[in-house]
Amino acid sequence: MTADSSIDKHDNPGVVARPPFIYMTALAAGLLLEFFLPTATVTPPLNYLVGIAAIGAGLAILIAAMRQFRKAGTNVPTPLPTTAIVTDGIYNYSRNPIYVALSLLYAGIGLAADSLWVLVLLAPVLLIVRFGVIAREERYLEEKFGDDYRRYKERVRRWF
């Protein structure tokens, strides 16, 4: 099967990897390390409660962010072109609520699994996302939307 020739392969931010893949790879590595070199971070049931709360918050933010993208009629996956800047709803508080949500989901799973390895690997994940994804997305959006994006960037924080 061939790719759709109507998609401009250059009309995207050119991120180092799709963000869900970055998070899932680190999560798998952390859980694998946990299996072979077990750790204990927090006493149950506190780790479950905090983990579930983080997962719930992450899901709520992710759903809100995805709804805003759909409402604006733009693409979510990073390899696809962005057709609009989303500035309403949760995007009024954060330029990257999807990455905040993925980080909360990841941390929540790490806490619920009582895995220090998973939590430690969140630091490199955040560095990769910040410099290999967000920096490239911001350059792409500035080139594509110019002053409209720069004004949004000045008004709204990157995270929360």
N, C-alpha and C. Protein backbone atom coordinates (compact mmCIF):
# COMPACT_ATOMS: atom_id res chain seq x y z
N MET A 1 0.85 -1.18 0.00
CA MET A 1 0.00 0.00 0.00
C MET A 1 0.89 1.24 0.00
N THR A 2 0.56 2.24 -0.79
CA THR A 2 1.38 3.45 -0.87
C THR A 2 0.78 4.56 -0.03
N ALA A 3 1.64 5.50 0.31
CA ALA A 3 1.20 6.65 1.10
C ALA A 3 0.37 7.58 0.23
N ASP A 4 -0.49 8.36 0.86
CA ASP A 4 -1.33 9.32 0.15
C ASP A 4 -0.44 10.41 -0.43
N SER A 5 -0.43 10.55 -1.74
CA SER A 5 0.45 11.52 -2.39
C SER A 5 -0.03 12.96 -2.20
N SER A 6 -1.27 13.15 -1.69
CA SER A 6 -1.77 14.51 -1.49
C SER A 6 -1.23 15.13 -0.20
N ILE A 7 -0.59 14.33 0.66
CA ILE A 7 -0.02 14.85 1.90
C ILE A 7 1.38 15.37 1.62
N ASP A 8 1.63 16.62 1.99
CA ASP A 8 2.96 17.22 1.83
C ASP A 8 3.85 16.69 2.94
N LYS A 9 4.84 15.87 2.57
CA LYS A 9 5.72 15.25 3.55
C LYS A 9 6.59 16.26 4.28
N HIS A 10 6.65 17.50 3.79
CA HIS A 10 7.47 18.53 4.43
C HIS A 10 6.64 19.47 5.29
N ASP A 11 5.32 19.35 5.22
CA ASP A 11 4.44 20.22 6.01
C ASP A 11 4.13 19.55 7.35
N ASN A 12 5.19 19.43 8.15
CA ASN A 12 5.08 18.91 9.50
C ASN A 12 6.33 19.33 10.26
N PRO A 13 6.33 19.21 11.58
CA PRO A 13 7.46 19.72 12.36
C PRO A 13 8.72 18.88 12.31
N GLY A 14 8.66 17.67 11.78
CA GLY A 14 9.86 16.84 11.70
C GLY A 14 10.41 16.46 13.07
N VAL A 15 9.52 16.01 13.96
CA VAL A 15 9.94 15.65 15.31
C VAL A 15 10.80 14.39 15.29
N VAL A 16 11.60 14.18 16.36
CA VAL A 16 12.50 13.03 16.40
C VAL A 16 11.75 11.70 16.44
N ALA A 17 10.58 11.69 17.04
CA ALA A 17 9.72 10.50 17.10
C ALA A 17 8.34 10.96 17.54
N ARG A 18 7.35 10.16 17.24
CA ARG A 18 5.99 10.51 17.69
C ARG A 18 5.96 10.44 19.22
N PRO A 19 5.42 11.47 19.87
CA PRO A 19 5.43 11.54 21.33
C PRO A 19 4.87 10.31 22.05
N PRO A 20 3.74 9.73 21.63
CA PRO A 20 3.29 8.53 22.34
C PRO A 20 4.34 7.40 22.31
N PHE A 21 5.06 7.29 21.20
CA PHE A 21 6.11 6.27 21.08
C PHE A 21 7.23 6.55 22.08
N ILE A 22 7.60 7.81 22.25
CA ILE A 22 8.65 8.18 23.21
C ILE A 22 8.25 7.75 24.62
N TYR A 23 7.03 8.12 25.01
CA TYR A 23 6.54 7.76 26.34
C TYR A 23 6.42 6.25 26.51
N MET A 24 5.86 5.56 25.52
CA MET A 24 5.65 4.11 25.64
C MET A 24 6.98 3.35 25.68
N THR A 25 7.97 3.80 24.92
CA THR A 25 9.27 3.14 24.93
C THR A 25 9.93 3.26 26.29
N ALA A 26 9.90 4.46 26.86
CA ALA A 26 10.48 4.66 28.18
C ALA A 26 9.71 3.87 29.24
N LEU A 27 8.40 3.85 29.13
CA LEU A 27 7.58 3.10 30.09
C LEU A 27 7.92 1.61 30.02
N ALA A 28 8.02 1.08 28.83
CA ALA A 28 8.38 -0.34 28.68
C ALA A 28 9.77 -0.61 29.26
N ALA A 29 10.72 0.28 28.99
CA ALA A 29 12.07 0.11 29.52
C ALA A 29 12.06 0.17 31.05
N GLY A 30 11.31 1.11 31.61
CA GLY A 30 11.23 1.24 33.06
C GLY A 30 10.59 0.02 33.71
N LEU A 31 9.53 -0.49 33.10
CA LEU A 31 8.86 -1.67 33.65
C LEU A 31 9.74 -2.91 33.52
N LEU A 32 10.50 -2.99 32.44
CA LEU A 32 11.43 -4.10 32.26
C LEU A 32 12.54 -4.03 33.31
N LEU A 33 13.10 -2.85 33.52
CA LEU A 33 14.10 -2.67 34.58
C LEU A 33 13.51 -3.03 35.94
N GLU A 34 12.26 -2.62 36.16
CA GLU A 34 11.60 -2.92 37.44
C GLU A 34 11.46 -4.42 37.64
N PHE A 35 11.20 -5.13 36.57
CA PHE A 35 11.05 -6.59 36.67
C PHE A 35 12.38 -7.24 37.09
N PHE A 36 13.49 -6.78 36.49
CA PHE A 36 14.79 -7.40 36.76
C PHE A 36 15.51 -6.80 37.97
N LEU A 37 15.29 -5.52 38.25
CA LEU A 37 15.92 -4.84 39.38
C LEU A 37 14.86 -4.09 40.17
N PRO A 38 14.07 -4.78 40.96
CA PRO A 38 12.91 -4.17 41.63
C PRO A 38 13.30 -3.02 42.58
N THR A 39 12.41 -2.05 42.63
CA THR A 39 12.54 -0.91 43.55
C THR A 39 11.22 -0.77 44.28
N ALA A 40 11.20 0.09 45.26
CA ALA A 40 9.95 0.43 45.95
C ALA A 40 10.00 1.93 46.21
N THR A 41 9.00 2.66 45.76
CA THR A 41 9.03 4.11 45.87
C THR A 41 8.14 4.65 46.98
N VAL A 42 6.93 4.16 47.08
CA VAL A 42 5.95 4.68 48.03
C VAL A 42 5.22 3.49 48.66
N THR A 43 4.78 3.66 49.88
CA THR A 43 4.06 2.59 50.56
C THR A 43 2.63 2.47 50.02
N PRO A 44 2.23 1.26 49.60
CA PRO A 44 0.83 1.07 49.21
C PRO A 44 -0.07 1.36 50.41
N PRO A 45 -1.25 1.85 50.28
CA PRO A 45 -1.99 2.12 49.05
C PRO A 45 -1.78 3.54 48.51
N LEU A 46 -0.88 4.31 49.16
CA LEU A 46 -0.68 5.69 48.72
C LEU A 46 -0.24 5.76 47.26
N ASN A 47 0.67 4.87 46.86
CA ASN A 47 1.13 4.90 45.47
C ASN A 47 -0.02 4.65 44.50
N TYR A 48 -0.96 3.77 44.88
CA TYR A 48 -2.10 3.49 44.00
C TYR A 48 -3.02 4.72 43.90
N LEU A 49 -3.28 5.32 45.03
CA LEU A 49 -4.18 6.49 45.04
C LEU A 49 -3.60 7.65 44.24
N VAL A 50 -2.34 7.97 44.48
CA VAL A 50 -1.70 9.08 43.76
C VAL A 50 -1.56 8.72 42.27
N GLY A 51 -1.21 7.47 42.00
CA GLY A 51 -1.08 7.03 40.61
C GLY A 51 -2.40 7.12 39.86
N ILE A 52 -3.46 6.66 40.47
CA ILE A 52 -4.78 6.70 39.83
C ILE A 52 -5.24 8.15 39.65
N ALA A 53 -4.95 9.00 40.62
CA ALA A 53 -5.31 10.43 40.48
C ALA A 53 -4.55 11.06 39.32
N ALA A 54 -3.27 10.75 39.17
CA ALA A 54 -2.48 11.29 38.06
C ALA A 54 -2.99 10.76 36.73
N ILE A 55 -3.33 9.48 36.67
CA ILE A 55 -3.87 8.90 35.44
C ILE A 55 -5.20 9.56 35.09
N GLY A 56 -6.06 9.76 36.08
CA GLY A 56 -7.34 10.42 35.85
C GLY A 56 -7.17 11.84 35.34
N ALA A 57 -6.25 12.59 35.96
CA ALA A 57 -5.99 13.97 35.51
C ALA A 57 -5.44 13.96 34.10
N GLY A 58 -4.52 13.04 33.81
CA GLY A 58 -3.95 12.94 32.47
C GLY A 58 -5.00 12.63 31.42
N LEU A 59 -5.89 11.70 31.73
CA LEU A 59 -6.96 11.37 30.78
C LEU A 59 -7.89 12.55 30.55
N ALA A 60 -8.25 13.26 31.63
CA ALA A 60 -9.14 14.43 31.49
C ALA A 60 -8.50 15.50 30.61
N ILE A 61 -7.23 15.78 30.84
CA ILE A 61 -6.52 16.80 30.04
C ILE A 61 -6.40 16.33 28.59
N LEU A 62 -6.08 15.06 28.39
CA LEU A 62 -5.93 14.53 27.03
C LEU A 62 -7.24 14.61 26.25
N ILE A 63 -8.33 14.24 26.89
CA ILE A 63 -9.65 14.31 26.22
C ILE A 63 -10.00 15.75 25.87
N ALA A 64 -9.77 16.67 26.81
CA ALA A 64 -10.07 18.09 26.55
C ALA A 64 -9.22 18.62 25.40
N ALA A 65 -7.94 18.26 25.37
CA ALA A 65 -7.05 18.73 24.30
C ALA A 65 -7.44 18.17 22.94
N MET A 66 -7.76 16.88 22.91
CA MET A 66 -8.16 16.25 21.65
C MET A 66 -9.46 16.84 21.11
N ARG A 67 -10.38 17.13 22.01
CA ARG A 67 -11.64 17.77 21.59
C ARG A 67 -11.38 19.12 20.96
N GLN A 68 -10.46 19.89 21.52
CA GLN A 68 -10.14 21.21 20.96
C GLN A 68 -9.53 21.07 19.57
N PHE A 69 -8.68 20.09 19.37
CA PHE A 69 -8.09 19.86 18.05
C PHE A 69 -9.18 19.51 17.05
N ARG A 70 -10.09 18.61 17.43
CA ARG A 70 -11.17 18.22 16.52
C ARG A 70 -12.06 19.41 16.20
N LYS A 71 -12.38 20.20 17.23
CA LYS A 71 -13.22 21.38 17.05
C LYS A 71 -12.58 22.38 16.07
N ALA A 72 -11.25 22.51 16.15
CA ALA A 72 -10.54 23.43 15.25
C ALA A 72 -10.32 22.82 13.87
N GLY A 73 -10.56 21.51 13.74
CA GLY A 73 -10.41 20.86 12.44
C GLY A 73 -8.96 20.67 12.03
N THR A 74 -8.07 20.50 13.00
CA THR A 74 -6.66 20.30 12.67
C THR A 74 -6.22 18.91 13.10
N ASN A 75 -5.08 18.50 12.60
CA ASN A 75 -4.56 17.16 12.87
C ASN A 75 -3.85 17.09 14.22
N VAL A 76 -3.95 15.94 14.86
CA VAL A 76 -3.23 15.70 16.11
C VAL A 76 -1.88 15.02 15.84
N PRO A 77 -1.82 13.96 15.04
CA PRO A 77 -0.53 13.28 14.83
C PRO A 77 0.53 14.21 14.25
N THR A 78 1.73 14.15 14.82
CA THR A 78 2.81 15.06 14.41
C THR A 78 3.27 14.91 12.97
N PRO A 79 3.15 13.74 12.32
CA PRO A 79 3.59 13.68 10.92
C PRO A 79 2.64 14.40 9.95
N LEU A 80 1.43 14.74 10.41
CA LEU A 80 0.46 15.39 9.54
C LEU A 80 0.53 16.90 9.67
N PRO A 81 0.14 17.63 8.63
CA PRO A 81 0.19 19.10 8.67
C PRO A 81 -0.75 19.68 9.72
N THR A 82 -0.32 20.76 10.33
CA THR A 82 -1.18 21.52 11.23
C THR A 82 -1.94 22.52 10.36
N THR A 83 -3.26 22.57 10.51
CA THR A 83 -4.06 23.47 9.66
C THR A 83 -4.59 24.67 10.42
N ALA A 84 -4.45 24.65 11.76
CA ALA A 84 -4.93 25.77 12.58
C ALA A 84 -4.19 25.78 13.90
N ILE A 85 -4.05 26.96 14.48
CA ILE A 85 -3.50 27.08 15.83
C ILE A 85 -4.67 26.97 16.79
N VAL A 86 -4.57 26.07 17.74
CA VAL A 86 -5.63 25.87 18.73
C VAL A 86 -5.27 26.72 19.95
N THR A 87 -6.17 27.67 20.28
CA THR A 87 -5.89 28.58 21.39
C THR A 87 -7.01 28.62 22.42
N ASP A 88 -8.09 27.88 22.18
CA ASP A 88 -9.25 27.91 23.08
C ASP A 88 -9.16 26.81 24.12
N GLY A 89 -10.09 26.87 25.07
CA GLY A 89 -10.20 25.82 26.07
C GLY A 89 -8.92 25.63 26.84
N ILE A 90 -8.48 24.40 26.93
CA ILE A 90 -7.28 24.08 27.71
C ILE A 90 -6.03 24.70 27.10
N TYR A 91 -6.07 24.99 25.81
CA TYR A 91 -4.94 25.64 25.14
C TYR A 91 -4.81 27.12 25.52
N ASN A 92 -5.74 27.60 26.29
CA ASN A 92 -5.67 28.94 26.85
C ASN A 92 -4.73 28.96 28.06
N TYR A 93 -4.42 27.77 28.60
CA TYR A 93 -3.59 27.64 29.80
C TYR A 93 -2.24 27.00 29.52
N SER A 94 -2.15 26.21 28.47
CA SER A 94 -0.92 25.51 28.13
C SER A 94 -0.84 25.34 26.62
N ARG A 95 0.36 25.56 26.07
CA ARG A 95 0.55 25.32 24.64
C ARG A 95 0.71 23.83 24.35
N ASN A 96 0.97 23.04 25.38
CA ASN A 96 1.25 21.62 25.19
C ASN A 96 0.49 20.72 26.16
N PRO A 97 -0.83 20.87 26.24
CA PRO A 97 -1.55 20.05 27.21
C PRO A 97 -1.50 18.55 26.90
N ILE A 98 -1.32 18.17 25.65
CA ILE A 98 -1.22 16.75 25.34
C ILE A 98 0.03 16.16 25.98
N TYR A 99 1.14 16.89 25.96
CA TYR A 99 2.37 16.39 26.57
C TYR A 99 2.28 16.42 28.09
N VAL A 100 1.56 17.39 28.64
CA VAL A 100 1.29 17.39 30.08
C VAL A 100 0.48 16.14 30.42
N ALA A 101 -0.54 15.85 29.62
CA ALA A 101 -1.39 14.68 29.85
C ALA A 101 -0.59 13.38 29.75
N LEU A 102 0.23 13.26 28.72
CA LEU A 102 1.04 12.05 28.56
C LEU A 102 2.01 11.89 29.73
N SER A 103 2.55 13.00 30.23
CA SER A 103 3.47 12.95 31.38
C SER A 103 2.74 12.51 32.64
N LEU A 104 1.52 13.02 32.83
CA LEU A 104 0.72 12.60 33.99
C LEU A 104 0.34 11.12 33.90
N LEU A 105 -0.07 10.68 32.73
CA LEU A 105 -0.39 9.27 32.54
C LEU A 105 0.82 8.39 32.84
N TYR A 106 1.96 8.79 32.29
CA TYR A 106 3.20 8.04 32.49
C TYR A 106 3.58 7.99 33.97
N ALA A 107 3.57 9.15 34.63
CA ALA A 107 3.92 9.20 36.06
C ALA A 107 2.91 8.41 36.89
N GLY A 108 1.65 8.51 36.53
CA GLY A 108 0.62 7.76 37.25
C GLY A 108 0.83 6.26 37.16
N ILE A 109 1.19 5.80 35.97
CA ILE A 109 1.46 4.36 35.80
C ILE A 109 2.69 3.98 36.62
N GLY A 110 3.72 4.82 36.60
CA GLY A 110 4.92 4.54 37.38
C GLY A 110 4.64 4.47 38.86
N LEU A 111 3.79 5.38 39.35
CA LEU A 111 3.43 5.36 40.77
C LEU A 111 2.57 4.15 41.11
N ALA A 112 1.58 3.88 40.29
CA ALA A 112 0.70 2.73 40.55
C ALA A 112 1.47 1.42 40.48
N ALA A 113 2.48 1.36 39.62
CA ALA A 113 3.32 0.16 39.51
C ALA A 113 4.41 0.14 40.58
N ASP A 114 4.49 1.21 41.37
CA ASP A 114 5.49 1.34 42.42
C ASP A 114 6.90 1.15 41.85
N SER A 115 7.17 1.87 40.74
CA SER A 115 8.43 1.70 40.03
C SER A 115 9.25 2.99 40.01
N LEU A 116 10.34 2.97 40.74
CA LEU A 116 11.26 4.10 40.71
C LEU A 116 11.90 4.22 39.33
N TRP A 117 12.14 3.08 38.68
CA TRP A 117 12.74 3.10 37.33
C TRP A 117 11.88 3.90 36.35
N VAL A 118 10.60 3.65 36.36
CA VAL A 118 9.70 4.36 35.45
C VAL A 118 9.76 5.86 35.75
N LEU A 119 9.72 6.21 37.02
CA LEU A 119 9.74 7.63 37.39
C LEU A 119 11.06 8.30 37.03
N VAL A 120 12.16 7.61 37.22
CA VAL A 120 13.47 8.17 36.86
C VAL A 120 13.58 8.40 35.36
N LEU A 121 13.02 7.49 34.57
CA LEU A 121 13.09 7.62 33.11
C LEU A 121 12.20 8.74 32.58
N LEU A 122 11.34 9.29 33.42
CA LEU A 122 10.52 10.42 32.97
C LEU A 122 11.39 11.64 32.66
N ALA A 123 12.49 11.81 33.39
CA ALA A 123 13.38 12.97 33.15
C ALA A 123 13.94 12.98 31.72
N PRO A 124 14.56 11.88 31.25
CA PRO A 124 15.01 11.91 29.85
C PRO A 124 13.87 12.02 28.85
N VAL A 125 12.72 11.45 29.17
CA VAL A 125 11.56 11.58 28.28
C VAL A 125 11.21 13.05 28.12
N LEU A 126 11.15 13.77 29.23
CA LEU A 126 10.80 15.20 29.16
C LEU A 126 11.84 15.99 28.39
N LEU A 127 13.10 15.65 28.51
CA LEU A 127 14.15 16.33 27.73
C LEU A 127 13.98 16.04 26.23
N ILE A 128 13.72 14.79 25.89
CA ILE A 128 13.52 14.43 24.48
C ILE A 128 12.29 15.15 23.93
N VAL A 129 11.21 15.16 24.69
CA VAL A 129 9.98 15.83 24.23
C VAL A 129 10.23 17.33 24.10
N ARG A 130 10.90 17.92 25.08
CA ARG A 130 11.13 19.37 25.03
C ARG A 130 11.99 19.78 23.83
N PHE A 131 13.11 19.07 23.62
CA PHE A 131 14.04 19.50 22.58
C PHE A 131 13.87 18.78 21.24
N GLY A 132 13.38 17.55 21.26
CA GLY A 132 13.22 16.81 20.01
C GLY A 132 11.84 16.91 19.40
N VAL A 133 10.87 17.37 20.21
CA VAL A 133 9.50 17.49 19.72
C VAL A 133 9.02 18.94 19.80
N ILE A 134 8.91 19.47 21.01
CA ILE A 134 8.33 20.80 21.19
C ILE A 134 9.12 21.89 20.46
N ALA A 135 10.44 21.87 20.56
CA ALA A 135 11.25 22.89 19.89
C ALA A 135 11.01 22.86 18.38
N ARG A 136 10.91 21.67 17.83
CA ARG A 136 10.67 21.54 16.38
C ARG A 136 9.25 21.97 16.01
N GLU A 137 8.30 21.62 16.87
CA GLU A 137 6.92 22.05 16.62
C GLU A 137 6.81 23.57 16.67
N GLU A 138 7.47 24.18 17.64
CA GLU A 138 7.40 25.64 17.76
C GLU A 138 8.02 26.33 16.54
N ARG A 139 9.15 25.82 16.06
CA ARG A 139 9.76 26.41 14.84
C ARG A 139 8.80 26.27 13.66
N TYR A 140 8.22 25.08 13.51
CA TYR A 140 7.29 24.80 12.42
C TYR A 140 6.08 25.75 12.48
N LEU A 141 5.50 25.89 13.66
CA LEU A 141 4.32 26.75 13.81
C LEU A 141 4.65 28.22 13.59
N GLU A 142 5.82 28.65 14.02
CA GLU A 142 6.23 30.04 13.76
C GLU A 142 6.41 30.27 12.26
N GLU A 143 7.02 29.31 11.58
CA GLU A 143 7.19 29.45 10.13
C GLU A 143 5.85 29.44 9.41
N LYS A 144 4.95 28.60 9.85
CA LYS A 144 3.67 28.43 9.16
C LYS A 144 2.67 29.54 9.49
N PHE A 145 2.61 29.95 10.75
CA PHE A 145 1.58 30.90 11.19
C PHE A 145 2.12 32.26 11.61
N GLY A 146 3.43 32.43 11.61
CA GLY A 146 4.05 33.74 11.86
C GLY A 146 3.64 34.42 13.14
N ASP A 147 3.23 35.69 13.00
CA ASP A 147 2.91 36.52 14.17
C ASP A 147 1.74 35.98 14.98
N ASP A 148 0.79 35.32 14.34
CA ASP A 148 -0.33 34.75 15.09
C ASP A 148 0.18 33.76 16.13
N TYR A 149 1.12 32.90 15.73
CA TYR A 149 1.65 31.92 16.67
C TYR A 149 2.56 32.61 17.70
N ARG A 150 3.36 33.57 17.26
CA ARG A 150 4.25 34.27 18.20
C ARG A 150 3.45 34.98 19.29
N ARG A 151 2.33 35.60 18.93
CA ARG A 151 1.48 36.25 19.94
C ARG A 151 0.91 35.22 20.91
N TYR A 152 0.46 34.10 20.39
CA TYR A 152 -0.05 33.03 21.24
C TYR A 152 1.05 32.53 22.19
N LYS A 153 2.24 32.36 21.66
CA LYS A 153 3.37 31.87 22.43
C LYS A 153 3.74 32.83 23.57
N GLU A 154 3.61 34.12 23.31
CA GLU A 154 3.89 35.13 24.35
C GLU A 154 2.81 35.12 25.43
N ARG A 155 1.61 34.78 25.07
CA ARG A 155 0.46 34.86 25.98
C ARG A 155 0.27 33.62 26.85
N VAL A 156 0.65 32.44 26.33
CA VAL A 156 0.35 31.18 27.00
C VAL A 156 1.66 30.42 27.29
N ARG A 157 1.74 29.86 28.50
CA ARG A 157 2.91 29.09 28.91
C ARG A 157 3.04 27.80 28.12
N ARG A 158 4.26 27.29 28.09
CA ARG A 158 4.52 26.03 27.39
C ARG A 158 3.82 24.87 28.10
N TRP A 159 3.96 24.76 29.40
CA TRP A 159 3.38 23.64 30.14
C TRP A 159 2.11 24.12 30.84
N PHE A 160 2.13 24.46 32.11
CA PHE A 160 0.98 25.02 32.85
C PHE A 160 1.49 26.06 33.78
